[in-house]
Amino acid sequence: MDDVVHLARVHSPFVSLELARLEDGNWEIVEVGDGQVSGLRDMDPIAFFRALGIALDSNP
């Protein structure tokens, strides 16, 4: 919960958050940014979110 409080202190209308799943199944915040460089770049958004959904479903 402390991480959420720190995230709320970022003074930006949009934030990016990088997460990593640890070997024990817990999640760790890797980096928080103000969103200036976030995005999918050249990747097709539909393909990205489809792959993300599959990955999340297969790794509960």
Protein backbone atom coordinates (compact mmCIF):
# COMPACT_ATOMS: atom_id res chain seq x y z
CA MET A 1 0.00 0.00 0.00
CA ASP A 2 2.92 2.37 0.60
CA ASP A 3 3.80 2.11 -3.09
CA VAL A 4 0.33 3.35 -4.04
CA VAL A 5 0.72 6.35 -1.74
CA HIS A 6 4.06 7.21 -3.37
CA LEU A 7 2.53 6.82 -6.83
CA ALA A 8 -0.23 9.27 -5.91
CA ARG A 9 2.46 11.88 -5.18
CA VAL A 10 3.63 11.97 -8.82
CA HIS A 11 2.47 15.35 -10.11
CA SER A 12 1.39 14.34 -13.59
CA PRO A 13 -2.00 13.68 -15.20
CA PHE A 14 -0.62 10.40 -16.54
CA VAL A 15 1.95 7.98 -15.12
CA SER A 16 3.66 4.89 -16.45
CA LEU A 17 4.42 1.99 -14.17
CA GLU A 18 6.79 -0.87 -14.89
CA LEU A 19 6.18 -4.06 -12.94
CA ALA A 20 8.09 -7.32 -12.66
CA ARG A 21 6.74 -10.60 -11.40
CA LEU A 22 9.13 -12.27 -9.02
CA GLU A 23 9.87 -16.00 -8.93
CA ASP A 24 7.75 -16.30 -5.78
CA GLY A 25 4.73 -14.84 -7.64
CA ASN A 26 4.77 -11.43 -5.97
CA TRP A 27 4.86 -8.23 -8.01
CA GLU A 28 7.53 -5.55 -7.65
CA ILE A 29 7.46 -1.97 -8.94
CA VAL A 30 10.54 -1.48 -11.12
CA GLU A 31 10.05 2.10 -12.25
CA VAL A 32 7.51 4.90 -12.15
CA GLY A 33 7.53 7.62 -14.79
CA ASP A 34 5.47 10.62 -15.77
CA GLY A 35 4.29 9.00 -19.01
CA GLN A 36 6.30 11.11 -21.44
CA VAL A 37 7.95 8.10 -23.05
CA SER A 38 5.26 5.49 -22.56
CA GLY A 39 3.51 3.86 -25.44
CA LEU A 40 3.64 0.89 -27.76
CA ARG A 41 5.88 2.51 -30.38
CA ASP A 42 5.62 0.39 -33.53
CA MET A 43 3.69 -2.48 -32.00
CA ASP A 44 0.09 -3.14 -32.98
CA PRO A 45 -2.05 -2.36 -29.89
CA ILE A 46 -4.46 -5.23 -30.54
CA ALA A 47 -1.59 -7.73 -30.80
CA PHE A 48 0.00 -6.32 -27.65
CA PHE A 49 -3.11 -6.50 -25.48
CA ARG A 50 -4.01 -9.94 -26.84
CA ALA A 51 -0.53 -11.24 -25.93
CA LEU A 52 -0.74 -9.53 -22.52
CA GLY A 53 -4.11 -11.16 -21.81
CA ILE A 54 -2.78 -14.59 -22.77
CA ALA A 55 0.31 -14.11 -20.59
CA LEU A 56 -1.76 -13.01 -17.60
CA ASP A 57 -4.23 -15.87 -18.01
CA SER A 58 -1.46 -18.45 -18.18
CA ASN A 59 0.41 -17.09 -15.14
CA PRO A 60 -2.12 -16.63 -12.32
